[in-house]
Amino acid sequence: MSQAVVRVVNVTKRFGDLVAVDGISFDILPGSTTALLGGNGAGKTTTLSMLLGLLLPTSGAISVFGVDMLRDRYRVLGRMNFSSPYVELPRRLTVRQNLEVYARLYGLVDIRRRIEEVGRELEIEGLMHRPYGQLSAGQKTRVALAKALLNEPELLLLDEPTASLDPDTADYVRGMLESYRRRSHATMLLASHNMSEVERLCDNVLMLRAGRLVDRGTPEALLKRYGRQNMEEVFIDIARERRLELALDRKQANP
């Protein structure tokens, strides 16, 4: 088995008396797309923040590309990137200016060429001279993805990558992400509430509830385990704390 790109071992994160993440462990293998799922407050954003080194775990260990993120995260941050429609870019800067700033932060050499490439990929060429603060929610989502792809990351962390996009644009973005993974052999970790997106993009699923990792597997394995027709039904079962034994009993009663 290939060495894990991401390794999380017994990680806990506390904010005072609140346990946001409670002793989770998982590996993410090279070239895979893994879904990190759970209801609001399940610990997804906290987990992503710890993987980026924005938050330090209270206990446990996190490594990315074999590097300890608690001690040496700056060695690998240039090989990673992150996209979330809920993280604002500087509002007064134009789209191009924002992308130029991040391109310089990542040490890109041919900045103009790379911005033109991601602009075409995400169909934002016509937005380049508009201030970011004047964009619609869907336009901001596409710009956030463009920022995340600037450095052609080997590890891409995605928080609701198609939020606020219309169905046609969302489908285009999913296709673009699939193409990017095939072309670059990148590894992706995807937090999403869109279960059809998870079924389309993801090889593996990690299910969180109240900060704990309560189940995992391929989408196909989870559908079989819970006796369900789609991942939305599996998500609801887990979010509502239905026991696996009951799910199996239901499957046996209705073969």
C-alpha atoms as a PDB file:
ATOM      1  CA  MET A   1       0.000   0.000   0.000  1.00  0.00           C
ATOM      2  CA  SER A   2       1.283   3.484  -0.877  1.00  0.00           C
ATOM      3  CA  GLN A   3       2.259   5.822   1.916  1.00  0.00           C
ATOM      4  CA  ALA A   4      -0.665   7.939   3.045  1.00  0.00           C
ATOM      5  CA  VAL A   5      -0.703  11.546   1.854  1.00  0.00           C
ATOM      6  CA  VAL A   6      -2.634  12.478   5.006  1.00  0.00           C
ATOM      7  CA  ARG A   7      -2.378  10.592   8.291  1.00  0.00           C
ATOM      8  CA  VAL A   8      -4.495  11.555  11.294  1.00  0.00           C
ATOM      9  CA  VAL A   9      -3.888   9.620  14.527  1.00  0.00           C
ATOM     10  CA  ASN A  10      -6.098   9.956  17.629  1.00  0.00           C
ATOM     11  CA  VAL A  11      -6.695  13.660  17.055  1.00  0.00           C
ATOM     12  CA  THR A  12      -8.792  15.620  19.544  1.00  0.00           C
ATOM     13  CA  LYS A  13      -9.574  19.317  19.500  1.00  0.00           C
ATOM     14  CA  ARG A  14     -11.111  21.085  22.504  1.00  0.00           C
ATOM     15  CA  PHE A  15     -12.316  24.649  22.805  1.00  0.00           C
ATOM     16  CA  GLY A  16     -12.641  25.015  26.559  1.00  0.00           C
ATOM     17  CA  ASP A  17     -15.276  22.483  27.614  1.00  0.00           C
ATOM     18  CA  LEU A  18     -16.395  21.868  24.030  1.00  0.00           C
ATOM     19  CA  VAL A  19     -14.948  18.805  22.301  1.00  0.00           C
ATOM     20  CA  ALA A  20     -15.131  19.677  18.595  1.00  0.00           C
ATOM     21  CA  VAL A  21     -13.146  16.639  17.405  1.00  0.00           C
ATOM     22  CA  ASP A  22     -12.929  13.543  19.554  1.00  0.00           C
ATOM     23  CA  GLY A  23     -10.090  11.075  18.941  1.00  0.00           C
ATOM     24  CA  ILE A  24     -10.386  10.571  15.180  1.00  0.00           C
ATOM     25  CA  SER A  25      -7.933   8.562  13.071  1.00  0.00           C
ATOM     26  CA  PHE A  26      -7.797   8.052   9.308  1.00  0.00           C
ATOM     27  CA  ASP A  27      -5.459   7.836   6.304  1.00  0.00           C
ATOM     28  CA  ILE A  28      -5.942   9.325   2.843  1.00  0.00           C
ATOM     29  CA  LEU A  29      -4.087   7.542   0.048  1.00  0.00           C
ATOM     30  CA  PRO A  30      -2.415   9.191  -2.963  1.00  0.00           C
ATOM     31  CA  GLY A  31      -4.646  10.056  -5.903  1.00  0.00           C
ATOM     32  CA  SER A  32      -7.901   9.415  -4.053  1.00  0.00           C
ATOM     33  CA  THR A  33     -10.853  11.697  -3.408  1.00  0.00           C
ATOM     34  CA  THR A  34     -12.237  11.274   0.103  1.00  0.00           C
ATOM     35  CA  ALA A  35     -15.471  12.780   1.414  1.00  0.00           C
ATOM     36  CA  LEU A  36     -15.592  14.174   4.944  1.00  0.00           C
ATOM     37  CA  LEU A  37     -19.277  14.127   5.848  1.00  0.00           C
ATOM     38  CA  GLY A  38     -21.405  15.071   8.819  1.00  0.00           C
ATOM     39  CA  GLY A  39     -24.118  17.429   9.941  1.00  0.00           C
ATOM     40  CA  ASN A  40     -23.560  20.983  11.084  1.00  0.00           C
ATOM     41  CA  GLY A  41     -21.279  20.935  14.123  1.00  0.00           C
ATOM     42  CA  ALA A  42     -19.941  17.451  13.383  1.00  0.00           C
ATOM     43  CA  GLY A  43     -16.327  18.669  13.268  1.00  0.00           C
ATOM     44  CA  LYS A  44     -15.647  18.908   9.524  1.00  0.00           C
ATOM     45  CA  THR A  45     -14.399  22.504   9.423  1.00  0.00           C
ATOM     46  CA  THR A  46     -12.296  22.010  12.556  1.00  0.00           C
ATOM     47  CA  THR A  47     -10.712  18.928  10.978  1.00  0.00           C
ATOM     48  CA  LEU A  48      -9.917  20.778   7.742  1.00  0.00           C
ATOM     49  CA  SER A  49      -8.455  23.679   9.734  1.00  0.00           C
ATOM     50  CA  MET A  50      -6.152  21.313  11.610  1.00  0.00           C
ATOM     51  CA  LEU A  51      -5.025  19.674   8.369  1.00  0.00           C
ATOM     52  CA  LEU A  52      -4.074  23.120   7.073  1.00  0.00           C
ATOM     53  CA  GLY A  53      -2.228  23.975  10.272  1.00  0.00           C
ATOM     54  CA  LEU A  54      -4.613  26.845  11.034  1.00  0.00           C
ATOM     55  CA  LEU A  55      -5.593  25.120  14.285  1.00  0.00           C
ATOM     56  CA  LEU A  56      -3.399  22.934  16.450  1.00  0.00           C
ATOM     57  CA  PRO A  57      -4.924  19.750  17.856  1.00  0.00           C
ATOM     58  CA  THR A  58      -5.262  19.443  21.595  1.00  0.00           C
ATOM     59  CA  SER A  59      -3.807  15.947  21.310  1.00  0.00           C
ATOM     60  CA  GLY A  60      -2.910  13.443  18.609  1.00  0.00           C
ATOM     61  CA  ALA A  61      -0.768  13.655  15.480  1.00  0.00           C
ATOM     62  CA  ILE A  62      -1.291  14.887  11.909  1.00  0.00           C
ATOM     63  CA  SER A  63       1.146  14.337   9.053  1.00  0.00           C
ATOM     64  CA  VAL A  64       0.872  15.458   5.426  1.00  0.00           C
ATOM     65  CA  PHE A  65       3.318  14.032   2.858  1.00  0.00           C
ATOM     66  CA  GLY A  66       5.085  12.472   5.826  1.00  0.00           C
ATOM     67  CA  VAL A  67       5.674  15.855   7.513  1.00  0.00           C
ATOM     68  CA  ASP A  68       4.509  16.574  11.056  1.00  0.00           C
ATOM     69  CA  MET A  69       2.027  19.448  10.677  1.00  0.00           C
ATOM     70  CA  LEU A  70       2.499  20.498  14.293  1.00  0.00           C
ATOM     71  CA  ARG A  71       6.225  21.127  13.830  1.00  0.00           C
ATOM     72  CA  ASP A  72       7.089  21.569  10.154  1.00  0.00           C
ATOM     73  CA  ARG A  73       3.919  22.478   8.252  1.00  0.00           C
ATOM     74  CA  TYR A  74       5.697  25.199   6.249  1.00  0.00           C
ATOM     75  CA  ARG A  75       7.646  22.465   4.463  1.00  0.00           C
ATOM     76  CA  VAL A  76       4.497  21.212   2.730  1.00  0.00           C
ATOM     77  CA  LEU A  77       2.042  24.137   2.613  1.00  0.00           C
ATOM     78  CA  GLY A  78       3.230  24.992  -0.910  1.00  0.00           C
ATOM     79  CA  ARG A  79       2.066  21.570  -2.096  1.00  0.00           C
ATOM     80  CA  MET A  80      -1.440  22.093  -0.693  1.00  0.00           C
ATOM     81  CA  ASN A  81      -4.349  24.440  -1.227  1.00  0.00           C
ATOM     82  CA  PHE A  82      -7.830  25.025   0.090  1.00  0.00           C
ATOM     83  CA  SER A  83     -11.141  26.316  -1.229  1.00  0.00           C
ATOM     84  CA  SER A  84     -14.233  27.417   0.657  1.00  0.00           C
ATOM     85  CA  PRO A  85     -17.028  29.758  -0.431  1.00  0.00           C
ATOM     86  CA  TYR A  86     -17.303  30.792   3.218  1.00  0.00           C
ATOM     87  CA  VAL A  87     -13.808  32.329   3.358  1.00  0.00           C
ATOM     88  CA  GLU A  88     -13.793  35.795   1.821  1.00  0.00           C
ATOM     89  CA  LEU A  89     -10.948  37.195  -0.266  1.00  0.00           C
ATOM     90  CA  PRO A  90     -10.082  40.917   0.021  1.00  0.00           C
ATOM     91  CA  ARG A  91     -13.229  42.640  -1.202  1.00  0.00           C
ATOM     92  CA  ARG A  92     -11.699  45.816  -2.648  1.00  0.00           C
ATOM     93  CA  LEU A  93      -9.181  44.001  -4.826  1.00  0.00           C
ATOM     94  CA  THR A  94     -10.219  42.873  -8.273  1.00  0.00           C
ATOM     95  CA  VAL A  95     -10.328  39.182  -9.068  1.00  0.00           C
ATOM     96  CA  ARG A  96      -7.044  39.442 -10.973  1.00  0.00           C
ATOM     97  CA  GLN A  97      -5.360  41.346  -8.143  1.00  0.00           C
ATOM     98  CA  ASN A  98      -6.470  38.715  -5.645  1.00  0.00           C
ATOM     99  CA  LEU A  99      -5.134  35.914  -7.812  1.00  0.00           C
ATOM    100  CA  GLU A 100      -1.854  37.778  -8.352  1.00  0.00           C
ATOM    101  CA  VAL A 101      -1.382  38.168  -4.592  1.00  0.00           C
ATOM    102  CA  TYR A 102      -1.888  34.460  -3.962  1.00  0.00           C
ATOM    103  CA  ALA A 103       0.250  33.496  -6.962  1.00  0.00           C
ATOM    104  CA  ARG A 104       3.138  35.480  -5.461  1.00  0.00           C
ATOM    105  CA  LEU A 105       2.565  33.924  -2.041  1.00  0.00           C
ATOM    106  CA  TYR A 106       2.914  30.497  -3.663  1.00  0.00           C
ATOM    107  CA  GLY A 107       6.044  31.556  -5.538  1.00  0.00           C
ATOM    108  CA  LEU A 108       4.703  31.066  -9.046  1.00  0.00           C
ATOM    109  CA  VAL A 109       7.009  32.169 -11.851  1.00  0.00           C
ATOM    110  CA  ASP A 110       4.764  32.759 -14.884  1.00  0.00           C
ATOM    111  CA  ILE A 111       1.886  34.374 -13.000  1.00  0.00           C
ATOM    112  CA  ARG A 112       0.061  35.805 -16.026  1.00  0.00           C
ATOM    113  CA  ARG A 113      -0.017  32.470 -17.836  1.00  0.00           C
ATOM    114  CA  ARG A 114      -1.280  30.578 -14.793  1.00  0.00           C
ATOM    115  CA  ILE A 115      -4.025  33.108 -14.039  1.00  0.00           C
ATOM    116  CA  GLU A 116      -5.157  32.928 -17.668  1.00  0.00           C
ATOM    117  CA  GLU A 117      -5.276  29.119 -17.435  1.00  0.00           C
ATOM    118  CA  VAL A 118      -7.382  28.960 -14.289  1.00  0.00           C
ATOM    119  CA  GLY A 119      -9.545  31.767 -15.633  1.00  0.00           C
ATOM    120  CA  ARG A 120     -10.397  29.692 -18.694  1.00  0.00           C
ATOM    121  CA  GLU A 121     -10.893  26.509 -16.676  1.00  0.00           C
ATOM    122  CA  LEU A 122     -13.414  28.154 -14.355  1.00  0.00           C
ATOM    123  CA  GLU A 123     -14.860  30.561 -16.932  1.00  0.00           C
ATOM    124  CA  ILE A 124     -14.066  33.699 -14.940  1.00  0.00           C
ATOM    125  CA  GLU A 125     -12.174  35.638 -17.642  1.00  0.00           C
ATOM    126  CA  GLY A 126     -14.935  38.247 -17.710  1.00  0.00           C
ATOM    127  CA  LEU A 127     -14.676  38.800 -13.951  1.00  0.00           C
ATOM    128  CA  MET A 128     -10.965  39.598 -13.770  1.00  0.00           C
ATOM    129  CA  HIS A 129     -11.342  43.385 -13.504  1.00  0.00           C
ATOM    130  CA  ARG A 130     -14.303  43.375 -11.120  1.00  0.00           C
ATOM    131  CA  PRO A 131     -13.812  43.943  -7.372  1.00  0.00           C
ATOM    132  CA  TYR A 132     -14.272  40.697  -5.498  1.00  0.00           C
ATOM    133  CA  GLY A 133     -16.812  42.334  -3.169  1.00  0.00           C
ATOM    134  CA  GLN A 134     -19.150  43.008  -6.107  1.00  0.00           C
ATOM    135  CA  LEU A 135     -19.405  39.362  -7.182  1.00  0.00           C
ATOM    136  CA  SER A 136     -22.397  37.102  -6.674  1.00  0.00           C
ATOM    137  CA  ALA A 137     -22.103  34.115  -4.330  1.00  0.00           C
ATOM    138  CA  GLY A 138     -21.669  31.716  -7.256  1.00  0.00           C
ATOM    139  CA  GLN A 139     -19.003  33.891  -8.855  1.00  0.00           C
ATOM    140  CA  LYS A 140     -17.106  34.045  -5.548  1.00  0.00           C
ATOM    141  CA  THR A 141     -17.207  30.263  -5.362  1.00  0.00           C
ATOM    142  CA  ARG A 142     -15.568  29.960  -8.792  1.00  0.00           C
ATOM    143  CA  VAL A 143     -12.920  32.542  -7.885  1.00  0.00           C
ATOM    144  CA  ALA A 144     -12.167  30.660  -4.653  1.00  0.00           C
ATOM    145  CA  LEU A 145     -11.620  27.486  -6.685  1.00  0.00           C
ATOM    146  CA  ALA A 146      -9.368  29.365  -9.102  1.00  0.00           C
ATOM    147  CA  LYS A 147      -7.282  30.549  -6.144  1.00  0.00           C
ATOM    148  CA  ALA A 148      -7.074  26.988  -4.854  1.00  0.00           C
ATOM    149  CA  LEU A 149      -5.781  25.655  -8.181  1.00  0.00           C
ATOM    150  CA  LEU A 150      -3.171  28.355  -8.835  1.00  0.00           C
ATOM    151  CA  ASN A 151      -0.231  26.364  -7.474  1.00  0.00           C
ATOM    152  CA  GLU A 152      -1.462  23.070  -9.000  1.00  0.00           C
ATOM    153  CA  PRO A 153      -1.672  21.487  -5.541  1.00  0.00           C
ATOM    154  CA  GLU A 154      -0.876  17.857  -4.884  1.00  0.00           C
ATOM    155  CA  LEU A 155      -3.374  17.938  -1.997  1.00  0.00           C
ATOM    156  CA  LEU A 156      -6.588  19.907  -2.463  1.00  0.00           C
ATOM    157  CA  LEU A 157      -8.938  20.485   0.478  1.00  0.00           C
ATOM    158  CA  LEU A 158     -12.446  21.464  -0.605  1.00  0.00           C
ATOM    159  CA  ASP A 159     -15.195  22.793   1.649  1.00  0.00           C
ATOM    160  CA  GLU A 160     -18.535  22.799  -0.223  1.00  0.00           C
ATOM    161  CA  PRO A 161     -16.842  23.423  -3.604  1.00  0.00           C
ATOM    162  CA  THR A 162     -20.110  23.852  -5.538  1.00  0.00           C
ATOM    163  CA  ALA A 163     -22.111  25.803  -2.954  1.00  0.00           C
ATOM    164  CA  SER A 164     -24.161  28.631  -4.516  1.00  0.00           C
ATOM    165  CA  LEU A 165     -23.542  27.370  -8.055  1.00  0.00           C
ATOM    166  CA  ASP A 166     -26.428  26.724 -10.428  1.00  0.00           C
ATOM    167  CA  PRO A 167     -26.801  23.059 -11.502  1.00  0.00           C
ATOM    168  CA  ASP A 168     -25.117  23.588 -14.885  1.00  0.00           C
ATOM    169  CA  THR A 169     -22.083  25.386 -13.440  1.00  0.00           C
ATOM    170  CA  ALA A 170     -21.850  22.932 -10.540  1.00  0.00           C
ATOM    171  CA  ASP A 171     -21.747  20.033 -13.001  1.00  0.00           C
ATOM    172  CA  TYR A 172     -19.025  21.802 -14.997  1.00  0.00           C
ATOM    173  CA  VAL A 173     -16.946  22.358 -11.837  1.00  0.00           C
ATOM    174  CA  ARG A 174     -17.279  18.711 -10.795  1.00  0.00           C
ATOM    175  CA  GLY A 175     -16.117  17.644 -14.234  1.00  0.00           C
ATOM    176  CA  MET A 176     -13.193  20.042 -14.026  1.00  0.00           C
ATOM    177  CA  LEU A 177     -12.176  18.645 -10.621  1.00  0.00           C
ATOM    178  CA  GLU A 178     -12.363  15.091 -11.978  1.00  0.00           C
ATOM    179  CA  SER A 179     -10.206  16.115 -14.931  1.00  0.00           C
ATOM    180  CA  TYR A 180      -7.698  17.853 -12.653  1.00  0.00           C
ATOM    181  CA  ARG A 181      -7.348  14.775 -10.474  1.00  0.00           C
ATOM    182  CA  ARG A 182      -6.803  12.494 -13.471  1.00  0.00           C
ATOM    183  CA  ARG A 183      -4.303  14.881 -15.046  1.00  0.00           C
ATOM    184  CA  SER A 184      -2.301  15.748 -11.942  1.00  0.00           C
ATOM    185  CA  HIS A 185      -2.843  12.611  -9.813  1.00  0.00           C
ATOM    186  CA  ALA A 186      -3.743  14.987  -6.984  1.00  0.00           C
ATOM    187  CA  THR A 187      -5.330  13.853  -3.731  1.00  0.00           C
ATOM    188  CA  MET A 188      -8.553  15.544  -2.632  1.00  0.00           C
ATOM    189  CA  LEU A 189     -10.482  15.787   0.620  1.00  0.00           C
ATOM    190  CA  LEU A 190     -14.020  17.031   0.097  1.00  0.00           C
ATOM    191  CA  ALA A 191     -16.500  18.278   2.698  1.00  0.00           C
ATOM    192  CA  SER A 192     -19.954  18.483   1.164  1.00  0.00           C
ATOM    193  CA  HIS A 193     -23.666  18.289   1.901  1.00  0.00           C
ATOM    194  CA  ASN A 194     -24.388  17.352  -1.718  1.00  0.00           C
ATOM    195  CA  MET A 195     -24.602  13.577  -1.659  1.00  0.00           C
ATOM    196  CA  SER A 196     -24.881  13.148  -5.441  1.00  0.00           C
ATOM    197  CA  GLU A 197     -21.593  15.057  -5.638  1.00  0.00           C
ATOM    198  CA  VAL A 198     -20.063  12.645  -3.140  1.00  0.00           C
ATOM    199  CA  GLU A 199     -21.260   9.615  -5.109  1.00  0.00           C
ATOM    200  CA  ARG A 200     -19.822  11.066  -8.312  1.00  0.00           C
ATOM    201  CA  LEU A 201     -16.445  12.290  -7.090  1.00  0.00           C
ATOM    202  CA  CYS A 202     -15.403  10.236  -4.083  1.00  0.00           C
ATOM    203  CA  ASP A 203     -13.630   6.907  -3.667  1.00  0.00           C
ATOM    204  CA  ASN A 204     -14.004   6.859   0.106  1.00  0.00           C
ATOM    205  CA  VAL A 205     -16.229   8.421   2.755  1.00  0.00           C
ATOM    206  CA  LEU A 206     -15.512   9.418   6.365  1.00  0.00           C
ATOM    207  CA  MET A 207     -18.671   9.967   8.442  1.00  0.00           C
ATOM    208  CA  LEU A 208     -18.468  12.300  11.439  1.00  0.00           C
ATOM    209  CA  ARG A 209     -21.052  12.798  14.160  1.00  0.00           C
ATOM    210  CA  ALA A 210     -20.514  15.032  17.217  1.00  0.00           C
ATOM    211  CA  GLY A 211     -16.769  15.097  16.549  1.00  0.00           C
ATOM    212  CA  ARG A 212     -16.375  11.337  16.303  1.00  0.00           C
ATOM    213  CA  LEU A 213     -15.635   9.197  13.272  1.00  0.00           C
ATOM    214  CA  VAL A 214     -18.612   6.838  13.303  1.00  0.00           C
ATOM    215  CA  ASP A 215     -18.287   5.054   9.955  1.00  0.00           C
ATOM    216  CA  ARG A 216     -16.189   4.885   6.815  1.00  0.00           C
ATOM    217  CA  GLY A 217     -15.989   3.071   3.502  1.00  0.00           C
ATOM    218  CA  THR A 218     -16.585   3.450  -0.204  1.00  0.00           C
ATOM    219  CA  PRO A 219     -19.962   4.909  -1.191  1.00  0.00           C
ATOM    220  CA  GLU A 220     -20.928   1.495  -2.557  1.00  0.00           C
ATOM    221  CA  ALA A 221     -19.978  -0.278   0.684  1.00  0.00           C
ATOM    222  CA  LEU A 222     -21.938   2.205   2.805  1.00  0.00           C
ATOM    223  CA  LEU A 223     -25.032   1.872   0.624  1.00  0.00           C
ATOM    224  CA  LYS A 224     -24.878  -1.901   1.028  1.00  0.00           C
ATOM    225  CA  ARG A 225     -24.169  -1.730   4.764  1.00  0.00           C
ATOM    226  CA  TYR A 226     -27.168   0.489   5.483  1.00  0.00           C
ATOM    227  CA  GLY A 227     -29.457  -1.065   2.917  1.00  0.00           C
ATOM    228  CA  ARG A 228     -30.047   2.279   1.240  1.00  0.00           C
ATOM    229  CA  GLN A 229     -30.456   3.485  -2.348  1.00  0.00           C
ATOM    230  CA  ASN A 230     -28.350   6.651  -2.148  1.00  0.00           C
ATOM    231  CA  MET A 231     -25.865   8.439   0.080  1.00  0.00           C
ATOM    232  CA  GLU A 232     -28.413  11.022   1.208  1.00  0.00           C
ATOM    233  CA  GLU A 233     -30.364   8.271   2.958  1.00  0.00           C
ATOM    234  CA  VAL A 234     -27.160   6.953   4.552  1.00  0.00           C
ATOM    235  CA  PHE A 235     -26.257  10.476   5.698  1.00  0.00           C
ATOM    236  CA  ILE A 236     -29.670  10.925   7.348  1.00  0.00           C
ATOM    237  CA  ASP A 237     -29.409   7.544   9.077  1.00  0.00           C
ATOM    238  CA  ILE A 238     -26.070   8.470  10.602  1.00  0.00           C
ATOM    239  CA  ALA A 239     -26.955  12.094  11.400  1.00  0.00           C
ATOM    240  CA  ARG A 240     -30.064  10.913  13.269  1.00  0.00           C
ATOM    241  CA  GLU A 241     -27.984   8.337  15.166  1.00  0.00           C
ATOM    242  CA  ARG A 242     -29.812   5.322  13.852  1.00  0.00           C
ATOM    243  CA  ARG A 243     -27.930   2.238  14.856  1.00  0.00           C
ATOM    244  CA  LEU A 244     -26.236   0.122  12.207  1.00  0.00           C
ATOM    245  CA  GLU A 245     -27.981  -2.959  13.589  1.00  0.00           C
ATOM    246  CA  LEU A 246     -31.369  -1.405  12.829  1.00  0.00           C
ATOM    247  CA  ALA A 247     -30.248  -0.559   9.322  1.00  0.00           C
ATOM    248  CA  LEU A 248     -29.203  -4.167   8.759  1.00  0.00           C
ATOM    249  CA  ASP A 249     -32.481  -5.440  10.222  1.00  0.00           C
ATOM    250  CA  ARG A 250     -34.386  -3.181   7.818  1.00  0.00           C
ATOM    251  CA  LYS A 251     -32.436  -4.578   4.871  1.00  0.00           C
ATOM    252  CA  GLN A 252     -33.191  -8.170   5.918  1.00  0.00           C
ATOM    253  CA  ALA A 253     -36.884  -7.374   6.351  1.00  0.00           C
ATOM    254  CA  ASN A 254     -37.034  -5.779   2.891  1.00  0.00           C
ATOM    255  CA  PRO A 255     -34.645  -7.742   0.645  1.00  0.00           C
END
